[in-house]
Amino acid sequence: VFAAGTLVGLGAISPWAVATTAVVGAILGDGFSYWLGRHYHAHL
């Protein structure tokens, strides 16, 4: 993600696109992790 930020700083890619995809990825990853803990807590 730092490397993607460098590309944003160089103007090679859109900051909004990188920020949006990074936030959505983090939310989905955290959400799935929470779900795993909720449903499989005894077996993790």
PDB file of all heavy atoms in Angstrom:
ATOM      1  N   VAL A   1       0.839  -1.200   0.000  1.00  0.00           N
ATOM      2  CA  VAL A   1       0.000   0.000   0.000  1.00  0.00           C
ATOM      3  C   VAL A   1       0.876   1.252   0.000  1.00  0.00           C
ATOM      4  O   VAL A   1       0.550   2.256  -0.644  1.00  0.00           O
ATOM      5  CB  VAL A   1      -1.002  -0.018   1.175  1.00  0.00           C
ATOM      6  CG1 VAL A   1      -1.752   1.289   1.280  1.00  0.00           C
ATOM      7  CG2 VAL A   1      -1.965  -1.181   1.015  1.00  0.00           C
ATOM      8  N   PHE A   2       2.021   1.210   0.683  1.00  0.00           N
ATOM      9  CA  PHE A   2       2.976   2.326   0.648  1.00  0.00           C
ATOM     10  C   PHE A   2       3.477   2.559  -0.772  1.00  0.00           C
ATOM     11  O   PHE A   2       3.576   3.698  -1.232  1.00  0.00           O
ATOM     12  CB  PHE A   2       4.147   2.060   1.594  1.00  0.00           C
ATOM     13  CG  PHE A   2       5.157   3.166   1.616  1.00  0.00           C
ATOM     14  CD1 PHE A   2       4.927   4.313   2.367  1.00  0.00           C
ATOM     15  CD2 PHE A   2       6.316   3.079   0.873  1.00  0.00           C
ATOM     16  CE1 PHE A   2       5.853   5.345   2.376  1.00  0.00           C
ATOM     17  CE2 PHE A   2       7.250   4.096   0.878  1.00  0.00           C
ATOM     18  CZ  PHE A   2       7.028   5.234   1.635  1.00  0.00           C
ATOM     19  N   ALA A   3       3.765   1.485  -1.483  1.00  0.00           N
ATOM     20  CA  ALA A   3       4.213   1.605  -2.874  1.00  0.00           C
ATOM     21  C   ALA A   3       3.109   2.220  -3.736  1.00  0.00           C
ATOM     22  O   ALA A   3       3.386   3.068  -4.603  1.00  0.00           O
ATOM     23  CB  ALA A   3       4.624   0.248  -3.426  1.00  0.00           C
ATOM     24  N   ALA A   4       1.869   1.829  -3.488  1.00  0.00           N
ATOM     25  CA  ALA A   4       0.751   2.425  -4.220  1.00  0.00           C
ATOM     26  C   ALA A   4       0.652   3.915  -3.906  1.00  0.00           C
ATOM     27  O   ALA A   4       0.389   4.734  -4.786  1.00  0.00           O
ATOM     28  CB  ALA A   4      -0.555   1.717  -3.884  1.00  0.00           C
ATOM     29  N   GLY A   5       0.907   4.272  -2.645  1.00  0.00           N
ATOM     30  CA  GLY A   5       0.912   5.691  -2.271  1.00  0.00           C
ATOM     31  C   GLY A   5       2.001   6.467  -2.983  1.00  0.00           C
ATOM     32  O   GLY A   5       1.820   7.638  -3.339  1.00  0.00           O
ATOM     33  N   THR A   6       3.128   5.829  -3.198  1.00  0.00           N
ATOM     34  CA  THR A   6       4.211   6.466  -3.947  1.00  0.00           C
ATOM     35  C   THR A   6       3.768   6.729  -5.376  1.00  0.00           C
ATOM     36  O   THR A   6       4.031   7.804  -5.930  1.00  0.00           O
ATOM     37  CB  THR A   6       5.474   5.580  -3.925  1.00  0.00           C
ATOM     38  OG1 THR A   6       5.854   5.378  -2.567  1.00  0.00           O
ATOM     39  CG2 THR A   6       6.610   6.215  -4.693  1.00  0.00           C
ATOM     40  N   LEU A   7       3.076   5.769  -5.987  1.00  0.00           N
ATOM     41  CA  LEU A   7       2.567   5.964  -7.344  1.00  0.00           C
ATOM     42  C   LEU A   7       1.528   7.082  -7.386  1.00  0.00           C
ATOM     43  O   LEU A   7       1.449   7.825  -8.360  1.00  0.00           O
ATOM     44  CB  LEU A   7       1.976   4.659  -7.879  1.00  0.00           C
ATOM     45  CG  LEU A   7       2.980   3.543  -8.149  1.00  0.00           C
ATOM     46  CD1 LEU A   7       2.255   2.250  -8.515  1.00  0.00           C
ATOM     47  CD2 LEU A   7       3.949   3.953  -9.244  1.00  0.00           C
ATOM     48  N   VAL A   8       0.743   7.205  -6.327  1.00  0.00           N
ATOM     49  CA  VAL A   8      -0.213   8.325  -6.238  1.00  0.00           C
ATOM     50  C   VAL A   8       0.551   9.639  -6.210  1.00  0.00           C
ATOM     51  O   VAL A   8       0.217  10.589  -6.914  1.00  0.00           O
ATOM     52  CB  VAL A   8      -1.115   8.183  -4.994  1.00  0.00           C
ATOM     53  CG1 VAL A   8      -1.879   9.468  -4.716  1.00  0.00           C
ATOM     54  CG2 VAL A   8      -2.085   7.020  -5.162  1.00  0.00           C
ATOM     55  N   GLY A   9       1.603   9.698  -5.385  1.00  0.00           N
ATOM     56  CA  GLY A   9       2.409  10.912  -5.273  1.00  0.00           C
ATOM     57  C   GLY A   9       3.065  11.299  -6.589  1.00  0.00           C
ATOM     58  O   GLY A   9       3.259  12.487  -6.870  1.00  0.00           O
ATOM     59  N   LEU A  10       3.400  10.324  -7.393  1.00  0.00           N
ATOM     60  CA  LEU A  10       3.998  10.595  -8.699  1.00  0.00           C
ATOM     61  C   LEU A  10       2.953  10.938  -9.753  1.00  0.00           C
ATOM     62  O   LEU A  10       3.301  11.277 -10.886  1.00  0.00           O
ATOM     63  CB  LEU A  10       4.815   9.378  -9.163  1.00  0.00           C
ATOM     64  CG  LEU A  10       6.044   9.046  -8.322  1.00  0.00           C
ATOM     65  CD1 LEU A  10       6.642   7.715  -8.763  1.00  0.00           C
ATOM     66  CD2 LEU A  10       7.067  10.158  -8.440  1.00  0.00           C
ATOM     67  N   GLY A  11       1.685  10.825  -9.390  1.00  0.00           N
ATOM     68  CA  GLY A  11       0.610  11.138 -10.325  1.00  0.00           C
ATOM     69  C   GLY A  11       0.321  10.015 -11.304  1.00  0.00           C
ATOM     70  O   GLY A  11      -0.378  10.210 -12.291  1.00  0.00           O
ATOM     71  N   ALA A  12       0.834   8.823 -11.037  1.00  0.00           N
ATOM     72  CA  ALA A  12       0.652   7.698 -11.954  1.00  0.00           C
ATOM     73  C   ALA A  12      -0.718   7.038 -11.802  1.00  0.00           C
ATOM     74  O   ALA A  12      -1.224   6.442 -12.747  1.00  0.00           O
ATOM     75  CB  ALA A  12       1.752   6.665 -11.745  1.00  0.00           C
ATOM     76  N   ILE A  13      -1.297   7.130 -10.605  1.00  0.00           N
ATOM     77  CA  ILE A  13      -2.613   6.530 -10.373  1.00  0.00           C
ATOM     78  C   ILE A  13      -3.466   7.459  -9.528  1.00  0.00           C
ATOM     79  O   ILE A  13      -2.959   8.368  -8.874  1.00  0.00           O
ATOM     80  CB  ILE A  13      -2.507   5.140  -9.700  1.00  0.00           C
ATOM     81  CG1 ILE A  13      -1.710   5.207  -8.392  1.00  0.00           C
ATOM     82  CG2 ILE A  13      -1.892   4.124 -10.634  1.00  0.00           C
ATOM     83  CD1 ILE A  13      -1.626   3.893  -7.647  1.00  0.00           C
ATOM     84  N   SER A  14      -4.750   7.208  -9.544  1.00  0.00           N
ATOM     85  CA  SER A  14      -5.713   8.041  -8.829  1.00  0.00           C
ATOM     86  C   SER A  14      -5.672   7.781  -7.325  1.00  0.00           C
ATOM     87  O   SER A  14      -5.776   6.634  -6.897  1.00  0.00           O
ATOM     88  CB  SER A  14      -7.121   7.753  -9.349  1.00  0.00           C
ATOM     89  OG  SER A  14      -8.103   8.253  -8.465  1.00  0.00           O
ATOM     90  N   PRO A  15      -5.552   8.847  -6.534  1.00  0.00           N
ATOM     91  CA  PRO A  15      -5.562   8.633  -5.076  1.00  0.00           C
ATOM     92  C   PRO A  15      -6.895   8.091  -4.574  1.00  0.00           C
ATOM     93  O   PRO A  15      -6.936   7.298  -3.631  1.00  0.00           O
ATOM     94  CB  PRO A  15      -5.264  10.015  -4.511  1.00  0.00           C
ATOM     95  CG  PRO A  15      -5.587  10.980  -5.590  1.00  0.00           C
ATOM     96  CD  PRO A  15      -5.389  10.249  -6.885  1.00  0.00           C
ATOM     97  N   TRP A  16      -7.990   8.512  -5.198  1.00  0.00           N
ATOM     98  CA  TRP A  16      -9.303   8.048  -4.754  1.00  0.00           C
ATOM     99  C   TRP A  16      -9.484   6.558  -5.018  1.00  0.00           C
ATOM    100  O   TRP A  16     -10.057   5.843  -4.196  1.00  0.00           O
ATOM    101  CB  TRP A  16     -10.415   8.848  -5.428  1.00  0.00           C
ATOM    102  CG  TRP A  16     -10.417  10.257  -4.961  1.00  0.00           C
ATOM    103  CD1 TRP A  16     -10.016  11.359  -5.669  1.00  0.00           C
ATOM    104  CD2 TRP A  16     -10.778  10.730  -3.669  1.00  0.00           C
ATOM    105  NE1 TRP A  16     -10.120  12.482  -4.895  1.00  0.00           N
ATOM    106  CE2 TRP A  16     -10.592  12.131  -3.650  1.00  0.00           C
ATOM    107  CE3 TRP A  16     -11.238  10.116  -2.512  1.00  0.00           C
ATOM    108  CZ2 TRP A  16     -10.851  12.904  -2.539  1.00  0.00           C
ATOM    109  CZ3 TRP A  16     -11.504  10.900  -1.395  1.00  0.00           C
ATOM    110  CH2 TRP A  16     -11.306  12.273  -1.423  1.00  0.00           C
ATOM    111  N   ALA A  17      -9.003   6.095  -6.140  1.00  0.00           N
ATOM    112  CA  ALA A  17      -9.138   4.676  -6.474  1.00  0.00           C
ATOM    113  C   ALA A  17      -8.335   3.815  -5.507  1.00  0.00           C
ATOM    114  O   ALA A  17      -8.825   2.808  -4.997  1.00  0.00           O
ATOM    115  CB  ALA A  17      -8.687   4.425  -7.906  1.00  0.00           C
ATOM    116  N   VAL A  18      -7.093   4.215  -5.219  1.00  0.00           N
ATOM    117  CA  VAL A  18      -6.252   3.442  -4.307  1.00  0.00           C
ATOM    118  C   VAL A  18      -6.816   3.489  -2.890  1.00  0.00           C
ATOM    119  O   VAL A  18      -6.906   2.466  -2.215  1.00  0.00           O
ATOM    120  CB  VAL A  18      -4.795   3.948  -4.340  1.00  0.00           C
ATOM    121  CG1 VAL A  18      -3.973   3.311  -3.244  1.00  0.00           C
ATOM    122  CG2 VAL A  18      -4.179   3.667  -5.688  1.00  0.00           C
ATOM    123  N   ALA A  19      -7.216   4.668  -2.442  1.00  0.00           N
ATOM    124  CA  ALA A  19      -7.757   4.800  -1.087  1.00  0.00           C
ATOM    125  C   ALA A  19      -9.036   3.982  -0.934  1.00  0.00           C
ATOM    126  O   ALA A  19      -9.214   3.275   0.067  1.00  0.00           O
ATOM    127  CB  ALA A  19      -8.014   6.261  -0.757  1.00  0.00           C
ATOM    128  N   THR A  20      -9.909   4.069  -1.913  1.00  0.00           N
ATOM    129  CA  THR A  20     -11.176   3.334  -1.840  1.00  0.00           C
ATOM    130  C   THR A  20     -10.947   1.834  -1.811  1.00  0.00           C
ATOM    131  O   THR A  20     -11.514   1.123  -0.980  1.00  0.00           O
ATOM    132  CB  THR A  20     -12.078   3.713  -3.033  1.00  0.00           C
ATOM    133  OG1 THR A  20     -12.320   5.119  -2.997  1.00  0.00           O
ATOM    134  CG2 THR A  20     -13.397   2.960  -2.985  1.00  0.00           C
ATOM    135  N   THR A  21     -10.099   1.347  -2.711  1.00  0.00           N
ATOM    136  CA  THR A  21      -9.866  -0.099  -2.747  1.00  0.00           C
ATOM    137  C   THR A  21      -9.137  -0.588  -1.495  1.00  0.00           C
ATOM    138  O   THR A  21      -9.419  -1.675  -1.006  1.00  0.00           O
ATOM    139  CB  THR A  21      -9.094  -0.522  -4.010  1.00  0.00           C
ATOM    140  OG1 THR A  21      -7.864   0.202  -4.081  1.00  0.00           O
ATOM    141  CG2 THR A  21      -9.913  -0.271  -5.258  1.00  0.00           C
ATOM    142  N   ALA A  22      -8.233   0.215  -0.963  1.00  0.00           N
ATOM    143  CA  ALA A  22      -7.519  -0.177   0.258  1.00  0.00           C
ATOM    144  C   ALA A  22      -8.485  -0.240   1.444  1.00  0.00           C
ATOM    145  O   ALA A  22      -8.443  -1.186   2.241  1.00  0.00           O
ATOM    146  CB  ALA A  22      -6.375   0.784   0.545  1.00  0.00           C
ATOM    147  N   VAL A  23      -9.355   0.740   1.565  1.00  0.00           N
ATOM    148  CA  VAL A  23     -10.325   0.761   2.670  1.00  0.00           C
ATOM    149  C   VAL A  23     -11.319  -0.389   2.536  1.00  0.00           C
ATOM    150  O   VAL A  23     -11.609  -1.087   3.513  1.00  0.00           O
ATOM    151  CB  VAL A  23     -11.047   2.125   2.740  1.00  0.00           C
ATOM    152  CG1 VAL A  23     -12.249   2.070   3.658  1.00  0.00           C
ATOM    153  CG2 VAL A  23     -10.081   3.207   3.182  1.00  0.00           C
ATOM    154  N   VAL A  24     -11.827  -0.611   1.334  1.00  0.00           N
ATOM    155  CA  VAL A  24     -12.782  -1.707   1.129  1.00  0.00           C
ATOM    156  C   VAL A  24     -12.124  -3.057   1.422  1.00  0.00           C
ATOM    157  O   VAL A  24     -12.709  -3.920   2.079  1.00  0.00           O
ATOM    158  CB  VAL A  24     -13.379  -1.668  -0.297  1.00  0.00           C
ATOM    159  CG1 VAL A  24     -14.158  -2.928  -0.614  1.00  0.00           C
ATOM    160  CG2 VAL A  24     -14.263  -0.452  -0.462  1.00  0.00           C
ATOM    161  N   GLY A  25     -10.894  -3.241   0.975  1.00  0.00           N
ATOM    162  CA  GLY A  25     -10.170  -4.479   1.256  1.00  0.00           C
ATOM    163  C   GLY A  25      -9.982  -4.700   2.747  1.00  0.00           C
ATOM    164  O   GLY A  25     -10.183  -5.804   3.253  1.00  0.00           O
ATOM    165  N   ALA A  26      -9.606  -3.651   3.470  1.00  0.00           N
ATOM    166  CA  ALA A  26      -9.402  -3.765   4.914  1.00  0.00           C
ATOM    167  C   ALA A  26     -10.714  -4.070   5.638  1.00  0.00           C
ATOM    168  O   ALA A  26     -10.750  -4.906   6.553  1.00  0.00           O
ATOM    169  CB  ALA A  26      -8.780  -2.484   5.459  1.00  0.00           C
ATOM    170  N   ILE A  27     -11.790  -3.431   5.230  1.00  0.00           N
ATOM    171  CA  ILE A  27     -13.097  -3.673   5.861  1.00  0.00           C
ATOM    172  C   ILE A  27     -13.559  -5.105   5.612  1.00  0.00           C
ATOM    173  O   ILE A  27     -14.028  -5.785   6.531  1.00  0.00           O
ATOM    174  CB  ILE A  27     -14.147  -2.652   5.364  1.00  0.00           C
ATOM    175  CG1 ILE A  27     -13.831  -1.270   5.933  1.00  0.00           C
ATOM    176  CG2 ILE A  27     -15.561  -3.091   5.737  1.00  0.00           C
ATOM    177  CD1 ILE A  27     -14.656  -0.150   5.331  1.00  0.00           C
ATOM    178  N   LEU A  28     -13.409  -5.582   4.380  1.00  0.00           N
ATOM    179  CA  LEU A  28     -13.810  -6.960   4.078  1.00  0.00           C
ATOM    180  C   LEU A  28     -12.948  -7.970   4.834  1.00  0.00           C
ATOM    181  O   LEU A  28     -13.454  -8.970   5.351  1.00  0.00           O
ATOM    182  CB  LEU A  28     -13.740  -7.217   2.573  1.00  0.00           C
ATOM    183  CG  LEU A  28     -14.798  -6.526   1.734  1.00  0.00           C
ATOM    184  CD1 LEU A  28     -14.552  -6.767   0.249  1.00  0.00           C
ATOM    185  CD2 LEU A  28     -16.191  -7.000   2.120  1.00  0.00           C
ATOM    186  N   GLY A  29     -11.654  -7.728   4.896  1.00  0.00           N
ATOM    187  CA  GLY A  29     -10.759  -8.626   5.636  1.00  0.00           C
ATOM    188  C   GLY A  29     -11.091  -8.659   7.111  1.00  0.00           C
ATOM    189  O   GLY A  29     -11.156  -9.732   7.727  1.00  0.00           O
ATOM    190  N   ASP A  30     -11.308  -7.489   7.712  1.00  0.00           N
ATOM    191  CA  ASP A  30     -11.682  -7.430   9.126  1.00  0.00           C
ATOM    192  C   ASP A  30     -13.041  -8.078   9.367  1.00  0.00           C
ATOM    193  O   ASP A  30     -13.248  -8.776  10.361  1.00  0.00           O
ATOM    194  CB  ASP A  30     -11.711  -5.987   9.625  1.00  0.00           C
ATOM    195  CG  ASP A  30     -10.341  -5.436   9.937  1.00  0.00           C
ATOM    196  OD1 ASP A  30      -9.361  -6.213   9.966  1.00  0.00           O
ATOM    197  OD2 ASP A  30     -10.242  -4.217  10.167  1.00  0.00           O
ATOM    198  N   GLY A  31     -13.979  -7.832   8.453  1.00  0.00           N
ATOM    199  CA  GLY A  31     -15.312  -8.420   8.593  1.00  0.00           C
ATOM    200  C   GLY A  31     -15.283  -9.933   8.541  1.00  0.00           C
ATOM    201  O   GLY A  31     -15.933 -10.611   9.339  1.00  0.00           O
ATOM    202  N   PHE A  32     -14.515 -10.462   7.610  1.00  0.00           N
ATOM    203  CA  PHE A  32     -14.394 -11.913   7.515  1.00  0.00           C
ATOM    204  C   PHE A  32     -13.694 -12.479   8.750  1.00  0.00           C
ATOM    205  O   PHE A  32     -14.075 -13.529   9.264  1.00  0.00           O
ATOM    206  CB  PHE A  32     -13.654 -12.323   6.242  1.00  0.00           C
ATOM    207  CG  PHE A  32     -13.547 -13.805   6.095  1.00  0.00           C
ATOM    208  CD1 PHE A  32     -14.655 -14.558   5.748  1.00  0.00           C
ATOM    209  CD2 PHE A  32     -12.353 -14.454   6.327  1.00  0.00           C
ATOM    210  CE1 PHE A  32     -14.565 -15.942   5.629  1.00  0.00           C
ATOM    211  CE2 PHE A  32     -12.246 -15.823   6.206  1.00  0.00           C
ATOM    212  CZ  PHE A  32     -13.360 -16.582   5.859  1.00  0.00           C
ATOM    213  N   SER A  33     -12.684 -11.787   9.225  1.00  0.00           N
ATOM    214  CA  SER A  33     -11.966 -12.234  10.420  1.00  0.00           C
ATOM    215  C   SER A  33     -12.901 -12.255  11.633  1.00  0.00           C
ATOM    216  O   SER A  33     -12.872 -13.189  12.432  1.00  0.00           O
ATOM    217  CB  SER A  33     -10.780 -11.320  10.694  1.00  0.00           C
ATOM    218  OG  SER A  33      -9.856 -11.396   9.639  1.00  0.00           O
ATOM    219  N   TYR A  34     -13.719 -11.218  11.764  1.00  0.00           N
ATOM    220  CA  TYR A  34     -14.694 -11.156  12.855  1.00  0.00           C
ATOM    221  C   TYR A  34     -15.665 -12.335  12.754  1.00  0.00           C
ATOM    222  O   TYR A  34     -15.970 -12.997  13.746  1.00  0.00           O
ATOM    223  CB  TYR A  34     -15.456  -9.831  12.805  1.00  0.00           C
ATOM    224  CG  TYR A  34     -16.518  -9.722  13.860  1.00  0.00           C
ATOM    225  CD1 TYR A  34     -16.196  -9.280  15.138  1.00  0.00           C
ATOM    226  CD2 TYR A  34     -17.831 -10.058  13.589  1.00  0.00           C
ATOM    227  CE1 TYR A  34     -17.177  -9.189  16.119  1.00  0.00           C
ATOM    228  CE2 TYR A  34     -18.815  -9.973  14.551  1.00  0.00           C
ATOM    229  CZ  TYR A  34     -18.478  -9.531  15.821  1.00  0.00           C
ATOM    230  OH  TYR A  34     -19.447  -9.455  16.787  1.00  0.00           O
ATOM    231  N   TRP A  35     -16.143 -12.598  11.532  1.00  0.00           N
ATOM    232  CA  TRP A  35     -17.073 -13.695  11.303  1.00  0.00           C
ATOM    233  C   TRP A  35     -16.444 -15.032  11.694  1.00  0.00           C
ATOM    234  O   TRP A  35     -17.096 -15.871  12.322  1.00  0.00           O
ATOM    235  CB  TRP A  35     -17.506 -13.704   9.836  1.00  0.00           C
ATOM    236  CG  TRP A  35     -18.444 -14.819   9.498  1.00  0.00           C
ATOM    237  CD1 TRP A  35     -19.796 -14.857   9.694  1.00  0.00           C
ATOM    238  CD2 TRP A  35     -18.080 -16.082   8.930  1.00  0.00           C
ATOM    239  NE1 TRP A  35     -20.300 -16.064   9.270  1.00  0.00           N
ATOM    240  CE2 TRP A  35     -19.267 -16.828   8.794  1.00  0.00           C
ATOM    241  CE3 TRP A  35     -16.882 -16.635   8.521  1.00  0.00           C
ATOM    242  CZ2 TRP A  35     -19.278 -18.110   8.267  1.00  0.00           C
ATOM    243  CZ3 TRP A  35     -16.896 -17.910   7.984  1.00  0.00           C
ATOM    244  CH2 TRP A  35     -18.087 -18.638   7.863  1.00  0.00           C
ATOM    245  N   LEU A  36     -15.174 -15.234  11.321  1.00  0.00           N
ATOM    246  CA  LEU A  36     -14.478 -16.465  11.707  1.00  0.00           C
ATOM    247  C   LEU A  36     -14.428 -16.624  13.227  1.00  0.00           C
ATOM    248  O   LEU A  36     -14.687 -17.712  13.750  1.00  0.00           O
ATOM    249  CB  LEU A  36     -13.048 -16.476  11.166  1.00  0.00           C
ATOM    250  CG  LEU A  36     -12.841 -16.908   9.743  1.00  0.00           C
ATOM    251  CD1 LEU A  36     -11.371 -16.786   9.374  1.00  0.00           C
ATOM    252  CD2 LEU A  36     -13.325 -18.314   9.507  1.00  0.00           C
ATOM    253  N   GLY A  37     -14.079 -15.550  13.909  1.00  0.00           N
ATOM    254  CA  GLY A  37     -14.027 -15.601  15.367  1.00  0.00           C
ATOM    255  C   GLY A  37     -15.386 -15.870  15.978  1.00  0.00           C
ATOM    256  O   GLY A  37     -15.510 -16.600  16.975  1.00  0.00           O
ATOM    257  N   ARG A  38     -16.410 -15.297  15.406  1.00  0.00           N
ATOM    258  CA  ARG A  38     -17.777 -15.452  15.913  1.00  0.00           C
ATOM    259  C   ARG A  38     -18.280 -16.882  15.758  1.00  0.00           C
ATOM    260  O   ARG A  38     -18.920 -17.424  16.642  1.00  0.00           O
ATOM    261  CB  ARG A  38     -18.687 -14.475  15.162  1.00  0.00           C
ATOM    262  CG  ARG A  38     -20.043 -14.349  15.716  1.00  0.00           C
ATOM    263  CD  ARG A  38     -20.008 -13.336  16.818  1.00  0.00           C
ATOM    264  NE  ARG A  38     -21.354 -13.051  17.226  1.00  0.00           N
ATOM    265  CZ  ARG A  38     -21.675 -12.831  18.476  1.00  0.00           C
ATOM    266  NH1 ARG A  38     -20.741 -12.813  19.389  1.00  0.00           N
ATOM    267  NH2 ARG A  38     -22.904 -12.590  18.809  1.00  0.00           N
ATOM    268  N   HIS A  39     -17.993 -17.483  14.590  1.00  0.00           N
ATOM    269  CA  HIS A  39     -18.553 -18.797  14.294  1.00  0.00           C
ATOM    270  C   HIS A  39     -17.646 -19.980  14.644  1.00  0.00           C
ATOM    271  O   HIS A  39     -18.142 -21.080  14.851  1.00  0.00           O
ATOM    272  CB  HIS A  39     -18.953 -18.883  12.827  1.00  0.00           C
ATOM    273  CG  HIS A  39     -20.099 -17.992  12.495  1.00  0.00           C
ATOM    274  ND1 HIS A  39     -21.280 -17.998  13.195  1.00  0.00           N
ATOM    275  CD2 HIS A  39     -20.240 -17.051  11.543  1.00  0.00           C
ATOM    276  CE1 HIS A  39     -22.107 -17.104  12.681  1.00  0.00           C
ATOM    277  NE2 HIS A  39     -21.501 -16.511  11.692  1.00  0.00           N
ATOM    278  N   TYR A  40     -16.348 -19.764  14.687  1.00  0.00           N
ATOM    279  CA  TYR A  40     -15.418 -20.878  14.908  1.00  0.00           C
ATOM    280  C   TYR A  40     -14.514 -20.665  16.114  1.00  0.00           C
ATOM    281  O   TYR A  40     -13.433 -21.245  16.190  1.00  0.00           O
ATOM    282  CB  TYR A  40     -14.566 -21.096  13.649  1.00  0.00           C
ATOM    283  CG  TYR A  40     -15.397 -21.486  12.461  1.00  0.00           C
ATOM    284  CD1 TYR A  40     -15.661 -20.553  11.462  1.00  0.00           C
ATOM    285  CD2 TYR A  40     -15.928 -22.757  12.355  1.00  0.00           C
ATOM    286  CE1 TYR A  40     -16.442 -20.894  10.366  1.00  0.00           C
ATOM    287  CE2 TYR A  40     -16.711 -23.103  11.271  1.00  0.00           C
ATOM    288  CZ  TYR A  40     -16.962 -22.169  10.277  1.00  0.00           C
ATOM    289  OH  TYR A  40     -17.738 -22.504   9.207  1.00  0.00           O
ATOM    290  N   HIS A  41     -14.945 -19.855  17.064  1.00  0.00           N
ATOM    291  CA  HIS A  41     -14.101 -19.482  18.196  1.00  0.00           C
ATOM    292  C   HIS A  41     -13.542 -20.675  18.963  1.00  0.00           C
ATOM    293  O   HIS A  41     -12.413 -20.649  19.414  1.00  0.00           O
ATOM    294  CB  HIS A  41     -14.837 -18.542  19.151  1.00  0.00           C
ATOM    295  CG  HIS A  41     -16.108 -19.097  19.695  1.00  0.00           C
ATOM    296  ND1 HIS A  41     -16.150 -19.877  20.816  1.00  0.00           N
ATOM    297  CD2 HIS A  41     -17.378 -18.989  19.242  1.00  0.00           C
ATOM    298  CE1 HIS A  41     -17.396 -20.230  21.051  1.00  0.00           C
ATOM    299  NE2 HIS A  41     -18.165 -19.711  20.106  1.00  0.00           N
ATOM    300  N   ALA A  42     -14.290 -21.727  19.095  1.00  0.00           N
ATOM    301  CA  ALA A  42     -13.825 -22.872  19.872  1.00  0.00           C
ATOM    302  C   ALA A  42     -12.785 -23.715  19.133  1.00  0.00           C
ATOM    303  O   ALA A  42     -12.061 -24.486  19.755  1.00  0.00           O
ATOM    304  CB  ALA A  42     -15.010 -23.754  20.248  1.00  0.00           C
ATOM    305  N   HIS A  43     -12.693 -23.554  17.817  1.00  0.00           N
ATOM    306  CA  HIS A  43     -11.813 -24.410  17.023  1.00  0.00           C
ATOM    307  C   HIS A  43     -10.645 -23.674  16.374  1.00  0.00           C
ATOM    308  O   HIS A  43      -9.820 -24.313  15.723  1.00  0.00           O
ATOM    309  CB  HIS A  43     -12.624 -25.111  15.932  1.00  0.00           C
ATOM    310  CG  HIS A  43     -13.795 -25.868  16.472  1.00  0.00           C
ATOM    311  ND1 HIS A  43     -13.653 -27.027  17.215  1.00  0.00           N
ATOM    312  CD2 HIS A  43     -15.117 -25.621  16.419  1.00  0.00           C
ATOM    313  CE1 HIS A  43     -14.845 -27.463  17.576  1.00  0.00           C
ATOM    314  NE2 HIS A  43     -15.754 -26.636  17.109  1.00  0.00           N
ATOM    315  N   LEU A  44     -10.576 -22.384  16.520  1.00  0.00           N
ATOM    316  CA  LEU A  44      -9.528 -21.627  15.826  1.00  0.00           C
ATOM    317  C   LEU A  44      -8.121 -22.019  16.249  1.00  0.00           C
ATOM    318  O   LEU A  44      -7.200 -21.981  15.436  1.00  0.00           O
ATOM    319  CB  LEU A  44      -9.729 -20.124  16.033  1.00  0.00           C
ATOM    320  CG  LEU A  44     -10.862 -19.511  15.226  1.00  0.00           C
ATOM    321  CD1 LEU A  44     -11.035 -18.052  15.586  1.00  0.00           C
ATOM    322  CD2 LEU A  44     -10.609 -19.655  13.743  1.00  0.00           C
TER     323      LEU A  44
END
